[in-house]
């Protein structure tokens, strides 16, 4: 008997979240591509936190995270906001990659995996 796969916000191309075996997979991009790195980062972190909550998880249960950022010059500001957002003692495994994102105005995209509650 296989475990069910639960999807939310599913379109032809992607789902907002996918949960399987008590593990939540999600990815977010900025809603306002014209915002600066701080605005885009805070927006994406807020979207991820809401999606985690909807999936029965939280930011303290993030297992791993891949951050795609378009400019090395933005990493200090991103890290400042990230460090304030992640609960003390709950830092996930993390990779940060300088990338050319699909929308040229996006400055950050975050993909993560979390344990469901």
PDB file of N, CA and C in Angstrom:
ATOM      1  N   UNK A   1       0.838  -1.179   0.000  1.00  0.00           N
ATOM      2  CA  UNK A   1       0.000   0.000   0.000  1.00  0.00           C
ATOM      3  C   UNK A   1       0.881   1.239   0.000  1.00  0.00           C
ATOM      4  N   UNK A   2       0.697   2.091  -0.976  1.00  0.00           N
ATOM      5  CA  UNK A   2       1.534   3.282  -1.075  1.00  0.00           C
ATOM      6  C   UNK A   2       0.899   4.467  -0.347  1.00  0.00           C
ATOM      7  N   UNK A   3       1.744   5.371   0.089  1.00  0.00           N
ATOM      8  CA  UNK A   3       1.273   6.576   0.773  1.00  0.00           C
ATOM      9  C   UNK A   3       0.643   7.524  -0.231  1.00  0.00           C
ATOM     10  N   UNK A   4      -0.419   8.232   0.174  1.00  0.00           N
ATOM     11  CA  UNK A   4      -1.039   9.187  -0.749  1.00  0.00           C
ATOM     12  C   UNK A   4      -0.132  10.398  -0.978  1.00  0.00           C
ATOM     13  N   UNK A   5      -0.299  11.009  -2.119  1.00  0.00           N
ATOM     14  CA  UNK A   5       0.384  12.258  -2.444  1.00  0.00           C
ATOM     15  C   UNK A   5      -0.680  13.341  -2.442  1.00  0.00           C
ATOM     16  N   UNK A   6      -0.480  14.361  -1.618  1.00  0.00           N
ATOM     17  CA  UNK A   6      -1.426  15.466  -1.538  1.00  0.00           C
ATOM     18  C   UNK A   6      -0.817  16.684  -2.217  1.00  0.00           C
ATOM     19  N   UNK A   7      -1.599  17.323  -3.085  1.00  0.00           N
ATOM     20  CA  UNK A   7      -1.134  18.509  -3.809  1.00  0.00           C
ATOM     21  C   UNK A   7      -2.099  19.659  -3.544  1.00  0.00           C
ATOM     22  N   UNK A   8      -1.554  20.875  -3.427  1.00  0.00           N
ATOM     23  CA  UNK A   8      -2.399  22.058  -3.313  1.00  0.00           C
ATOM     24  C   UNK A   8      -2.002  23.049  -4.395  1.00  0.00           C
ATOM     25  N   UNK A   9      -2.974  23.853  -4.823  1.00  0.00           N
ATOM     26  CA  UNK A   9      -2.695  24.872  -5.824  1.00  0.00           C
ATOM     27  C   UNK A   9      -2.165  24.311  -7.126  1.00  0.00           C
ATOM     28  N   UNK A  10      -2.642  23.144  -7.502  1.00  0.00           N
ATOM     29  CA  UNK A  10      -2.106  22.455  -8.673  1.00  0.00           C
ATOM     30  C   UNK A  10      -2.620  23.063  -9.979  1.00  0.00           C
ATOM     31  N   UNK A  11      -1.685  23.331 -10.884  1.00  0.00           N
ATOM     32  CA  UNK A  11      -1.990  23.784 -12.244  1.00  0.00           C
ATOM     33  C   UNK A  11      -1.411  22.741 -13.200  1.00  0.00           C
ATOM     34  N   UNK A  12      -1.484  23.000 -14.455  1.00  0.00           N
ATOM     35  CA  UNK A  12      -0.892  22.100 -15.444  1.00  0.00           C
ATOM     36  C   UNK A  12       0.619  21.984 -15.253  1.00  0.00           C
ATOM     37  N   UNK A  13       1.249  23.081 -14.777  1.00  0.00           N
ATOM     38  CA  UNK A  13       2.707  23.143 -14.732  1.00  0.00           C
ATOM     39  C   UNK A  13       3.309  22.900 -13.357  1.00  0.00           C
ATOM     40  N   UNK A  14       2.619  23.250 -12.268  1.00  0.00           N
ATOM     41  CA  UNK A  14       3.195  23.092 -10.930  1.00  0.00           C
ATOM     42  C   UNK A  14       2.122  23.026  -9.866  1.00  0.00           C
ATOM     43  N   UNK A  15       2.536  22.668  -8.663  1.00  0.00           N
ATOM     44  CA  UNK A  15       1.681  22.709  -7.479  1.00  0.00           C
ATOM     45  C   UNK A  15       2.328  23.655  -6.473  1.00  0.00           C
ATOM     46  N   UNK A  16       1.503  24.277  -5.640  1.00  0.00           N
ATOM     47  CA  UNK A  16       2.048  25.147  -4.591  1.00  0.00           C
ATOM     48  C   UNK A  16       2.783  24.314  -3.549  1.00  0.00           C
ATOM     49  N   UNK A  17       2.180  23.203  -3.146  1.00  0.00           N
ATOM     50  CA  UNK A  17       2.837  22.268  -2.234  1.00  0.00           C
ATOM     51  C   UNK A  17       2.522  20.843  -2.667  1.00  0.00           C
ATOM     52  N   UNK A  18       3.440  19.955  -2.351  1.00  0.00           N
ATOM     53  CA  UNK A  18       3.219  18.524  -2.523  1.00  0.00           C
ATOM     54  C   UNK A  18       3.662  17.884  -1.210  1.00  0.00           C
ATOM     55  N   UNK A  19       2.790  17.054  -0.640  1.00  0.00           N
ATOM     56  CA  UNK A  19       3.110  16.369   0.609  1.00  0.00           C
ATOM     57  C   UNK A  19       3.047  14.871   0.372  1.00  0.00           C
ATOM     58  N   UNK A  20       4.094  14.168   0.819  1.00  0.00           N
ATOM     59  CA  UNK A  20       4.175  12.720   0.684  1.00  0.00           C
ATOM     60  C   UNK A  20       4.986  12.185   1.863  1.00  0.00           C
ATOM     61  N   UNK A  21       4.482  11.135   2.496  1.00  0.00           N
ATOM     62  CA  UNK A  21       5.186  10.535   3.636  1.00  0.00           C
ATOM     63  C   UNK A  21       5.582  11.570   4.692  1.00  0.00           C
ATOM     64  N   UNK A  22       4.634  12.441   5.032  1.00  0.00           N
ATOM     65  CA  UNK A  22       4.855  13.460   6.073  1.00  0.00           C
ATOM     66  C   UNK A  22       5.963  14.449   5.719  1.00  0.00           C
ATOM     67  N   UNK A  23       6.265  14.585   4.423  1.00  0.00           N
ATOM     68  CA  UNK A  23       7.265  15.536   3.957  1.00  0.00           C
ATOM     69  C   UNK A  23       6.593  16.499   2.989  1.00  0.00           C
ATOM     70  N   UNK A  24       6.841  17.797   3.195  1.00  0.00           N
ATOM     71  CA  UNK A  24       6.234  18.855   2.390  1.00  0.00           C
ATOM     72  C   UNK A  24       7.305  19.445   1.473  1.00  0.00           C
ATOM     73  N   UNK A  25       6.969  19.578   0.194  1.00  0.00           N
ATOM     74  CA  UNK A  25       7.858  20.163  -0.805  1.00  0.00           C
ATOM     75  C   UNK A  25       7.198  21.441  -1.316  1.00  0.00           C
ATOM     76  N   UNK A  26       7.953  22.528  -1.389  1.00  0.00           N
ATOM     77  CA  UNK A  26       7.379  23.787  -1.849  1.00  0.00           C
ATOM     78  C   UNK A  26       8.441  24.720  -2.410  1.00  0.00           C
ATOM     79  N   UNK A  27       7.972  25.690  -3.185  1.00  0.00           N
ATOM     80  CA  UNK A  27       8.849  26.657  -3.834  1.00  0.00           C
ATOM     81  C   UNK A  27       8.059  27.947  -4.008  1.00  0.00           C
ATOM     82  N   UNK A  28       8.724  29.085  -3.839  1.00  0.00           N
ATOM     83  CA  UNK A  28       8.048  30.373  -4.024  1.00  0.00           C
ATOM     84  C   UNK A  28       8.957  31.363  -4.744  1.00  0.00           C
ATOM     85  N   UNK A  29       8.300  32.269  -5.470  1.00  0.00           N
ATOM     86  CA  UNK A  29       8.951  33.389  -6.150  1.00  0.00           C
ATOM     87  C   UNK A  29       8.253  34.670  -5.696  1.00  0.00           C
ATOM     88  N   UNK A  30       8.869  35.824  -5.904  1.00  0.00           N
ATOM     89  CA  UNK A  30       8.277  37.080  -5.463  1.00  0.00           C
ATOM     90  C   UNK A  30       6.982  37.420  -6.207  1.00  0.00           C
ATOM     91  N   UNK A  31       6.041  38.001  -5.462  1.00  0.00           N
ATOM     92  CA  UNK A  31       4.802  38.471  -6.085  1.00  0.00           C
ATOM     93  C   UNK A  31       5.022  39.808  -6.792  1.00  0.00           C
ATOM     94  N   UNK A  32       5.951  40.617  -6.291  1.00  0.00           N
ATOM     95  CA  UNK A  32       6.239  41.928  -6.878  1.00  0.00           C
ATOM     96  C   UNK A  32       7.655  41.930  -7.440  1.00  0.00           C
ATOM     97  N   UNK A  33       7.802  41.665  -8.728  1.00  0.00           N
ATOM     98  CA  UNK A  33       9.140  41.588  -9.303  1.00  0.00           C
ATOM     99  C   UNK A  33       9.883  42.929  -9.313  1.00  0.00           C
ATOM    100  N   UNK A  34       9.192  44.015  -9.057  1.00  0.00           N
ATOM    101  CA  UNK A  34       9.847  45.328  -9.061  1.00  0.00           C
ATOM    102  C   UNK A  34      10.408  45.706  -7.691  1.00  0.00           C
ATOM    103  N   UNK A  35      10.091  44.924  -6.645  1.00  0.00           N
ATOM    104  CA  UNK A  35      10.597  45.210  -5.300  1.00  0.00           C
ATOM    105  C   UNK A  35      12.105  44.964  -5.242  1.00  0.00           C
ATOM    106  N   UNK A  36      12.767  45.578  -4.266  1.00  0.00           N
ATOM    107  CA  UNK A  36      14.198  45.352  -4.077  1.00  0.00           C
ATOM    108  C   UNK A  36      14.416  43.993  -3.411  1.00  0.00           C
ATOM    109  N   UNK A  37      15.677  43.639  -3.173  1.00  0.00           N
ATOM    110  CA  UNK A  37      15.978  42.323  -2.617  1.00  0.00           C
ATOM    111  C   UNK A  37      15.327  42.129  -1.256  1.00  0.00           C
ATOM    112  N   UNK A  38      15.295  43.161  -0.424  1.00  0.00           N
ATOM    113  CA  UNK A  38      14.656  43.028   0.888  1.00  0.00           C
ATOM    114  C   UNK A  38      13.165  42.765   0.733  1.00  0.00           C
ATOM    115  N   UNK A  39      12.511  43.531  -0.117  1.00  0.00           N
ATOM    116  CA  UNK A  39      11.073  43.346  -0.330  1.00  0.00           C
ATOM    117  C   UNK A  39      10.747  41.983  -0.902  1.00  0.00           C
ATOM    118  N   UNK A  40      11.515  41.553  -1.882  1.00  0.00           N
ATOM    119  CA  UNK A  40      11.275  40.240  -2.488  1.00  0.00           C
ATOM    120  C   UNK A  40      11.550  39.116  -1.490  1.00  0.00           C
ATOM    121  N   UNK A  41      12.612  39.247  -0.715  1.00  0.00           N
ATOM    122  CA  UNK A  41      12.942  38.212   0.262  1.00  0.00           C
ATOM    123  C   UNK A  41      11.851  38.091   1.315  1.00  0.00           C
ATOM    124  N   UNK A  42      11.430  39.218   1.889  1.00  0.00           N
ATOM    125  CA  UNK A  42      10.374  39.193   2.906  1.00  0.00           C
ATOM    126  C   UNK A  42       9.081  38.633   2.347  1.00  0.00           C
ATOM    127  N   UNK A  43       8.760  38.973   1.112  1.00  0.00           N
ATOM    128  CA  UNK A  43       7.557  38.457   0.462  1.00  0.00           C
ATOM    129  C   UNK A  43       7.633  36.942   0.296  1.00  0.00           C
ATOM    130  N   UNK A  44       8.742  36.447  -0.232  1.00  0.00           N
ATOM    131  CA  UNK A  44       8.902  35.007  -0.461  1.00  0.00           C
ATOM    132  C   UNK A  44       8.892  34.247   0.870  1.00  0.00           C
ATOM    133  N   UNK A  45       9.578  34.759   1.875  1.00  0.00           N
ATOM    134  CA  UNK A  45       9.576  34.092   3.180  1.00  0.00           C
ATOM    135  C   UNK A  45       8.172  34.062   3.776  1.00  0.00           C
ATOM    136  N   UNK A  46       7.421  35.134   3.617  1.00  0.00           N
ATOM    137  CA  UNK A  46       6.042  35.163   4.099  1.00  0.00           C
ATOM    138  C   UNK A  46       5.162  34.159   3.377  1.00  0.00           C
ATOM    139  N   UNK A  47       5.323  34.064   2.064  1.00  0.00           N
ATOM    140  CA  UNK A  47       4.560  33.086   1.280  1.00  0.00           C
ATOM    141  C   UNK A  47       4.906  31.664   1.705  1.00  0.00           C
ATOM    142  N   UNK A  48       6.189  31.383   1.901  1.00  0.00           N
ATOM    143  CA  UNK A  48       6.614  30.051   2.330  1.00  0.00           C
ATOM    144  C   UNK A  48       6.056  29.715   3.709  1.00  0.00           C
ATOM    145  N   UNK A  49       6.103  30.664   4.609  1.00  0.00           N
ATOM    146  CA  UNK A  49       5.581  30.423   5.959  1.00  0.00           C
ATOM    147  C   UNK A  49       4.088  30.096   5.917  1.00  0.00           C
ATOM    148  N   UNK A  50       3.344  30.824   5.092  1.00  0.00           N
ATOM    149  CA  UNK A  50       1.904  30.556   4.954  1.00  0.00           C
ATOM    150  C   UNK A  50       1.658  29.179   4.350  1.00  0.00           C
ATOM    151  N   UNK A  51       2.425  28.812   3.332  1.00  0.00           N
ATOM    152  CA  UNK A  51       2.274  27.495   2.702  1.00  0.00           C
ATOM    153  C   UNK A  51       2.628  26.374   3.681  1.00  0.00           C
ATOM    154  N   UNK A  52       3.674  26.577   4.455  1.00  0.00           N
ATOM    155  CA  UNK A  52       4.049  25.576   5.457  1.00  0.00           C
ATOM    156  C   UNK A  52       2.911  25.373   6.454  1.00  0.00           C
ATOM    157  N   UNK A  53       2.337  26.462   6.930  1.00  0.00           N
ATOM    158  CA  UNK A  53       1.240  26.378   7.895  1.00  0.00           C
ATOM    159  C   UNK A  53       0.052  25.636   7.287  1.00  0.00           C
ATOM    160  N   UNK A  54      -0.300  25.978   6.035  1.00  0.00           N
ATOM    161  CA  UNK A  54      -1.413  25.310   5.344  1.00  0.00           C
ATOM    162  C   UNK A  54      -1.166  23.806   5.216  1.00  0.00           C
ATOM    163  N   UNK A  55       0.094  23.418   5.090  1.00  0.00           N
ATOM    164  CA  UNK A  55       0.451  22.005   4.909  1.00  0.00           C
ATOM    165  C   UNK A  55       0.656  21.285   6.238  1.00  0.00           C
ATOM    166  N   UNK A  56       0.411  21.977   7.347  1.00  0.00           N
ATOM    167  CA  UNK A  56       0.576  21.344   8.646  1.00  0.00           C
ATOM    168  C   UNK A  56       2.017  21.295   9.115  1.00  0.00           C
ATOM    169  N   UNK A  57       2.811  22.264   8.698  1.00  0.00           N
ATOM    170  CA  UNK A  57       4.208  22.328   9.090  1.00  0.00           C
ATOM    171  C   UNK A  57       4.499  23.736   9.604  1.00  0.00           C
ATOM    172  N   UNK A  58       5.766  24.045   9.749  1.00  0.00           N
ATOM    173  CA  UNK A  58       6.165  25.383  10.175  1.00  0.00           C
ATOM    174  C   UNK A  58       7.624  25.610   9.810  1.00  0.00           C
ATOM    175  N   UNK A  59       8.075  26.847   9.950  1.00  0.00           N
ATOM    176  CA  UNK A  59       9.462  27.147   9.593  1.00  0.00           C
ATOM    177  C   UNK A  59      10.461  26.467  10.530  1.00  0.00           C
ATOM    178  N   UNK A  60      10.022  26.030  11.704  1.00  0.00           N
ATOM    179  CA  UNK A  60      10.914  25.289  12.597  1.00  0.00           C
ATOM    180  C   UNK A  60      11.099  23.836  12.154  1.00  0.00           C
ATOM    181  N   UNK A  61      10.333  23.406  11.137  1.00  0.00           N
ATOM    182  CA  UNK A  61      10.400  22.017  10.660  1.00  0.00           C
ATOM    183  C   UNK A  61      11.009  21.903   9.260  1.00  0.00           C
ATOM    184  N   UNK A  62      11.620  22.997   8.772  1.00  0.00           N
ATOM    185  CA  UNK A  62      12.272  22.969   7.457  1.00  0.00           C
ATOM    186  C   UNK A  62      13.495  22.064   7.535  1.00  0.00           C
ATOM    187  N   UNK A  63      13.594  21.141   6.595  1.00  0.00           N
ATOM    188  CA  UNK A  63      14.706  20.188   6.551  1.00  0.00           C
ATOM    189  C   UNK A  63      15.836  20.672   5.655  1.00  0.00           C
ATOM    190  N   UNK A  64      15.478  21.149   4.470  1.00  0.00           N
ATOM    191  CA  UNK A  64      16.488  21.621   3.530  1.00  0.00           C
ATOM    192  C   UNK A  64      15.903  22.747   2.690  1.00  0.00           C
ATOM    193  N   UNK A  65      16.814  23.553   2.162  1.00  0.00           N
ATOM    194  CA  UNK A  65      16.394  24.725   1.414  1.00  0.00           C
ATOM    195  C   UNK A  65      17.441  25.034   0.354  1.00  0.00           C
ATOM    196  N   UNK A  66      16.965  25.362  -0.855  1.00  0.00           N
ATOM    197  CA  UNK A  66      17.857  25.850  -1.901  1.00  0.00           C
ATOM    198  C   UNK A  66      17.397  27.255  -2.251  1.00  0.00           C
ATOM    199  N   UNK A  67      18.316  28.189  -2.160  1.00  0.00           N
ATOM    200  CA  UNK A  67      18.045  29.595  -2.446  1.00  0.00           C
ATOM    201  C   UNK A  67      18.721  29.939  -3.758  1.00  0.00           C
ATOM    202  N   UNK A  68      17.944  30.492  -4.663  1.00  0.00           N
ATOM    203  CA  UNK A  68      18.471  30.956  -5.935  1.00  0.00           C
ATOM    204  C   UNK A  68      18.443  32.481  -5.873  1.00  0.00           C
ATOM    205  N   UNK A  69      19.597  33.097  -6.028  1.00  0.00           N
ATOM    206  CA  UNK A  69      19.713  34.549  -5.932  1.00  0.00           C
ATOM    207  C   UNK A  69      20.441  35.035  -7.183  1.00  0.00           C
ATOM    208  N   UNK A  70      20.057  36.188  -7.697  1.00  0.00           N
ATOM    209  CA  UNK A  70      20.585  36.625  -8.989  1.00  0.00           C
ATOM    210  C   UNK A  70      21.874  37.429  -8.908  1.00  0.00           C
ATOM    211  N   UNK A  71      22.208  37.932  -7.720  1.00  0.00           N
ATOM    212  CA  UNK A  71      23.368  38.818  -7.612  1.00  0.00           C
ATOM    213  C   UNK A  71      24.082  38.555  -6.286  1.00  0.00           C
ATOM    214  N   UNK A  72      25.356  38.246  -6.357  1.00  0.00           N
ATOM    215  CA  UNK A  72      26.141  38.001  -5.142  1.00  0.00           C
ATOM    216  C   UNK A  72      26.077  39.188  -4.180  1.00  0.00           C
ATOM    217  N   UNK A  73      25.904  40.374  -4.703  1.00  0.00           N
ATOM    218  CA  UNK A  73      25.848  41.580  -3.868  1.00  0.00           C
ATOM    219  C   UNK A  73      24.631  41.571  -2.938  1.00  0.00           C
ATOM    220  N   UNK A  74      23.624  40.735  -3.237  1.00  0.00           N
ATOM    221  CA  UNK A  74      22.403  40.681  -2.430  1.00  0.00           C
ATOM    222  C   UNK A  74      22.483  39.704  -1.260  1.00  0.00           C
ATOM    223  N   UNK A  75      23.520  38.892  -1.191  1.00  0.00           N
ATOM    224  CA  UNK A  75      23.540  37.821  -0.203  1.00  0.00           C
ATOM    225  C   UNK A  75      23.590  38.344   1.232  1.00  0.00           C
ATOM    226  N   UNK A  76      24.279  39.432   1.493  1.00  0.00           N
ATOM    227  CA  UNK A  76      24.350  39.958   2.865  1.00  0.00           C
ATOM    228  C   UNK A  76      22.966  40.371   3.353  1.00  0.00           C
ATOM    229  N   UNK A  77      22.221  41.088   2.540  1.00  0.00           N
ATOM    230  CA  UNK A  77      20.864  41.514   2.930  1.00  0.00           C
ATOM    231  C   UNK A  77      19.959  40.299   3.052  1.00  0.00           C
ATOM    232  N   UNK A  78      20.061  39.363   2.104  1.00  0.00           N
ATOM    233  CA  UNK A  78      19.248  38.148   2.182  1.00  0.00           C
ATOM    234  C   UNK A  78      19.544  37.413   3.491  1.00  0.00           C
ATOM    235  N   UNK A  79      20.813  37.205   3.797  1.00  0.00           N
ATOM    236  CA  UNK A  79      21.192  36.469   5.013  1.00  0.00           C
ATOM    237  C   UNK A  79      20.690  37.166   6.273  1.00  0.00           C
ATOM    238  N   UNK A  80      20.739  38.482   6.299  1.00  0.00           N
ATOM    239  CA  UNK A  80      20.233  39.238   7.450  1.00  0.00           C
ATOM    240  C   UNK A  80      18.754  38.918   7.684  1.00  0.00           C
ATOM    241  N   UNK A  81      17.965  38.942   6.614  1.00  0.00           N
ATOM    242  CA  UNK A  81      16.524  38.669   6.720  1.00  0.00           C
ATOM    243  C   UNK A  81      16.266  37.191   7.015  1.00  0.00           C
ATOM    244  N   UNK A  82      17.002  36.311   6.372  1.00  0.00           N
ATOM    245  CA  UNK A  82      16.872  34.864   6.595  1.00  0.00           C
ATOM    246  C   UNK A  82      17.170  34.525   8.049  1.00  0.00           C
ATOM    247  N   UNK A  83      18.289  35.047   8.566  1.00  0.00           N
ATOM    248  CA  UNK A  83      18.693  34.745   9.935  1.00  0.00           C
ATOM    249  C   UNK A  83      17.650  35.202  10.955  1.00  0.00           C
ATOM    250  N   UNK A  84      16.991  36.313  10.687  1.00  0.00           N
ATOM    251  CA  UNK A  84      15.932  36.805  11.575  1.00  0.00           C
ATOM    252  C   UNK A  84      14.667  35.959  11.449  1.00  0.00           C
ATOM    253  N   UNK A  85      14.462  35.332  10.302  1.00  0.00           N
ATOM    254  CA  UNK A  85      13.234  34.565  10.018  1.00  0.00           C
ATOM    255  C   UNK A  85      13.306  33.142  10.559  1.00  0.00           C
ATOM    256  N   UNK A  86      14.456  32.498  10.439  1.00  0.00           N
ATOM    257  CA  UNK A  86      14.609  31.102  10.876  1.00  0.00           C
ATOM    258  C   UNK A  86      14.673  31.068  12.405  1.00  0.00           C
ATOM    259  N   UNK A  87      13.834  30.228  13.035  1.00  0.00           N
ATOM    260  CA  UNK A  87      13.871  30.141  14.492  1.00  0.00           C
ATOM    261  C   UNK A  87      15.232  29.656  15.002  1.00  0.00           C
ATOM    262  N   UNK A  88      15.644  30.211  16.125  1.00  0.00           N
ATOM    263  CA  UNK A  88      16.915  29.830  16.756  1.00  0.00           C
ATOM    264  C   UNK A  88      17.004  28.316  16.909  1.00  0.00           C
ATOM    265  N   UNK A  89      18.117  27.738  16.479  1.00  0.00           N
ATOM    266  CA  UNK A  89      18.349  26.308  16.620  1.00  0.00           C
ATOM    267  C   UNK A  89      17.642  25.440  15.591  1.00  0.00           C
ATOM    268  N   UNK A  90      16.991  26.066  14.599  1.00  0.00           N
ATOM    269  CA  UNK A  90      16.217  25.299  13.604  1.00  0.00           C
ATOM    270  C   UNK A  90      16.715  25.501  12.176  1.00  0.00           C
ATOM    271  N   UNK A  91      17.947  25.913  12.014  1.00  0.00           N
ATOM    272  CA  UNK A  91      18.465  26.151  10.661  1.00  0.00           C
ATOM    273  C   UNK A  91      18.479  24.846   9.860  1.00  0.00           C
ATOM    274  N   UNK A  92      17.930  24.874   8.639  1.00  0.00           N
ATOM    275  CA  UNK A  92      17.939  23.673   7.800  1.00  0.00           C
ATOM    276  C   UNK A  92      19.271  23.516   7.066  1.00  0.00           C
ATOM    277  N   UNK A  93      19.444  22.392   6.420  1.00  0.00           N
ATOM    278  CA  UNK A  93      20.517  22.242   5.439  1.00  0.00           C
ATOM    279  C   UNK A  93      20.203  23.251   4.349  1.00  0.00           C
ATOM    280  N   UNK A  94      21.208  23.987   3.889  1.00  0.00           N
ATOM    281  CA  UNK A  94      20.922  25.079   2.959  1.00  0.00           C
ATOM    282  C   UNK A  94      21.987  25.185   1.884  1.00  0.00           C
ATOM    283  N   UNK A  95      21.538  25.457   0.662  1.00  0.00           N
ATOM    284  CA  UNK A  95      22.437  25.778  -0.443  1.00  0.00           C
ATOM    285  C   UNK A  95      21.973  27.106  -1.019  1.00  0.00           C
ATOM    286  N   UNK A  96      22.924  27.911  -1.442  1.00  0.00           N
ATOM    287  CA  UNK A  96      22.599  29.191  -2.070  1.00  0.00           C
ATOM    288  C   UNK A  96      23.346  29.252  -3.396  1.00  0.00           C
ATOM    289  N   UNK A  97      22.586  29.485  -4.456  1.00  0.00           N
ATOM    290  CA  UNK A  97      23.135  29.433  -5.804  1.00  0.00           C
ATOM    291  C   UNK A  97      22.888  30.766  -6.508  1.00  0.00           C
ATOM    292  N   UNK A  98      23.908  31.309  -7.138  1.00  0.00           N
ATOM    293  CA  UNK A  98      23.709  32.464  -8.001  1.00  0.00           C
ATOM    294  C   UNK A  98      23.146  31.930  -9.309  1.00  0.00           C
ATOM    295  N   UNK A  99      21.978  32.465  -9.706  1.00  0.00           N
ATOM    296  CA  UNK A  99      21.278  31.904 -10.858  1.00  0.00           C
ATOM    297  C   UNK A  99      20.632  32.996 -11.706  1.00  0.00           C
ATOM    298  N   UNK A 100      20.431  32.663 -12.958  1.00  0.00           N
ATOM    299  CA  UNK A 100      19.692  33.502 -13.893  1.00  0.00           C
ATOM    300  C   UNK A 100      18.245  33.017 -13.858  1.00  0.00           C
ATOM    301  N   UNK A 101      17.375  33.718 -13.118  1.00  0.00           N
ATOM    302  CA  UNK A 101      15.999  33.266 -12.935  1.00  0.00           C
ATOM    303  C   UNK A 101      15.148  33.561 -14.160  1.00  0.00           C
ATOM    304  N   UNK A 102      14.063  32.833 -14.301  1.00  0.00           N
ATOM    305  CA  UNK A 102      13.198  32.929 -15.469  1.00  0.00           C
ATOM    306  C   UNK A 102      12.697  34.342 -15.710  1.00  0.00           C
ATOM    307  N   UNK A 103      12.178  35.001 -14.670  1.00  0.00           N
ATOM    308  CA  UNK A 103      11.754  36.392 -14.790  1.00  0.00           C
ATOM    309  C   UNK A 103      12.978  37.253 -14.484  1.00  0.00           C
ATOM    310  N   UNK A 104      13.414  38.098 -15.405  1.00  0.00           N
ATOM    311  CA  UNK A 104      14.637  38.877 -15.177  1.00  0.00           C
ATOM    312  C   UNK A 104      14.531  39.873 -14.016  1.00  0.00           C
ATOM    313  N   UNK A 105      13.319  40.156 -13.538  1.00  0.00           N
ATOM    314  CA  UNK A 105      13.141  41.066 -12.411  1.00  0.00           C
ATOM    315  C   UNK A 105      13.146  40.353 -11.065  1.00  0.00           C
ATOM    316  N   UNK A 106      13.009  39.040 -11.051  1.00  0.00           N
ATOM    317  CA  UNK A 106      13.102  38.312  -9.784  1.00  0.00           C
ATOM    318  C   UNK A 106      14.538  38.373  -9.302  1.00  0.00           C
ATOM    319  N   UNK A 107      14.676  38.574  -7.999  1.00  0.00           N
ATOM    320  CA  UNK A 107      16.001  38.604  -7.400  1.00  0.00           C
ATOM    321  C   UNK A 107      16.262  37.366  -6.542  1.00  0.00           C
ATOM    322  N   UNK A 108      15.180  36.638  -6.203  1.00  0.00           N
ATOM    323  CA  UNK A 108      15.320  35.474  -5.348  1.00  0.00           C
ATOM    324  C   UNK A 108      14.187  34.480  -5.623  1.00  0.00           C
ATOM    325  N   UNK A 109      14.505  33.219  -5.492  1.00  0.00           N
ATOM    326  CA  UNK A 109      13.544  32.122  -5.549  1.00  0.00           C
ATOM    327  C   UNK A 109      13.996  31.111  -4.502  1.00  0.00           C
ATOM    328  N   UNK A 110      13.044  30.556  -3.753  1.00  0.00           N
ATOM    329  CA  UNK A 110      13.411  29.617  -2.690  1.00  0.00           C
ATOM    330  C   UNK A 110      12.600  28.339  -2.821  1.00  0.00           C
ATOM    331  N   UNK A 111      13.304  27.226  -2.803  1.00  0.00           N
ATOM    332  CA  UNK A 111      12.683  25.900  -2.801  1.00  0.00           C
ATOM    333  C   UNK A 111      13.059  25.221  -1.493  1.00  0.00           C
ATOM    334  N   UNK A 112      12.076  24.572  -0.851  1.00  0.00           N
ATOM    335  CA  UNK A 112      12.379  23.917   0.416  1.00  0.00           C
ATOM    336  C   UNK A 112      11.611  22.637   0.609  1.00  0.00           C
ATOM    337  N   UNK A 113      12.103  21.865   1.563  1.00  0.00           N
ATOM    338  CA  UNK A 113      11.490  20.617   1.998  1.00  0.00           C
ATOM    339  C   UNK A 113      11.352  20.708   3.506  1.00  0.00           C
ATOM    340  N   UNK A 114      10.169  20.315   4.018  1.00  0.00           N
ATOM    341  CA  UNK A 114       9.929  20.383   5.455  1.00  0.00           C
ATOM    342  C   UNK A 114       9.209  19.138   5.930  1.00  0.00           C
ATOM    343  N   UNK A 115       9.350  18.857   7.201  1.00  0.00           N
ATOM    344  CA  UNK A 115       8.602  17.756   7.821  1.00  0.00           C
ATOM    345  C   UNK A 115       7.224  18.282   8.195  1.00  0.00           C
ATOM    346  N   UNK A 116       6.194  17.494   7.883  1.00  0.00           N
ATOM    347  CA  UNK A 116       4.844  17.855   8.322  1.00  0.00           C
ATOM    348  C   UNK A 116       4.748  17.566   9.826  1.00  0.00           C
ATOM    349  N   UNK A 117       3.807  18.205  10.475  1.00  0.00           N
ATOM    350  CA  UNK A 117       3.657  18.007  11.930  1.00  0.00           C
ATOM    351  C   UNK A 117       3.103  16.638  12.239  1.00  0.00           C
TER     352      UNK A 117
END
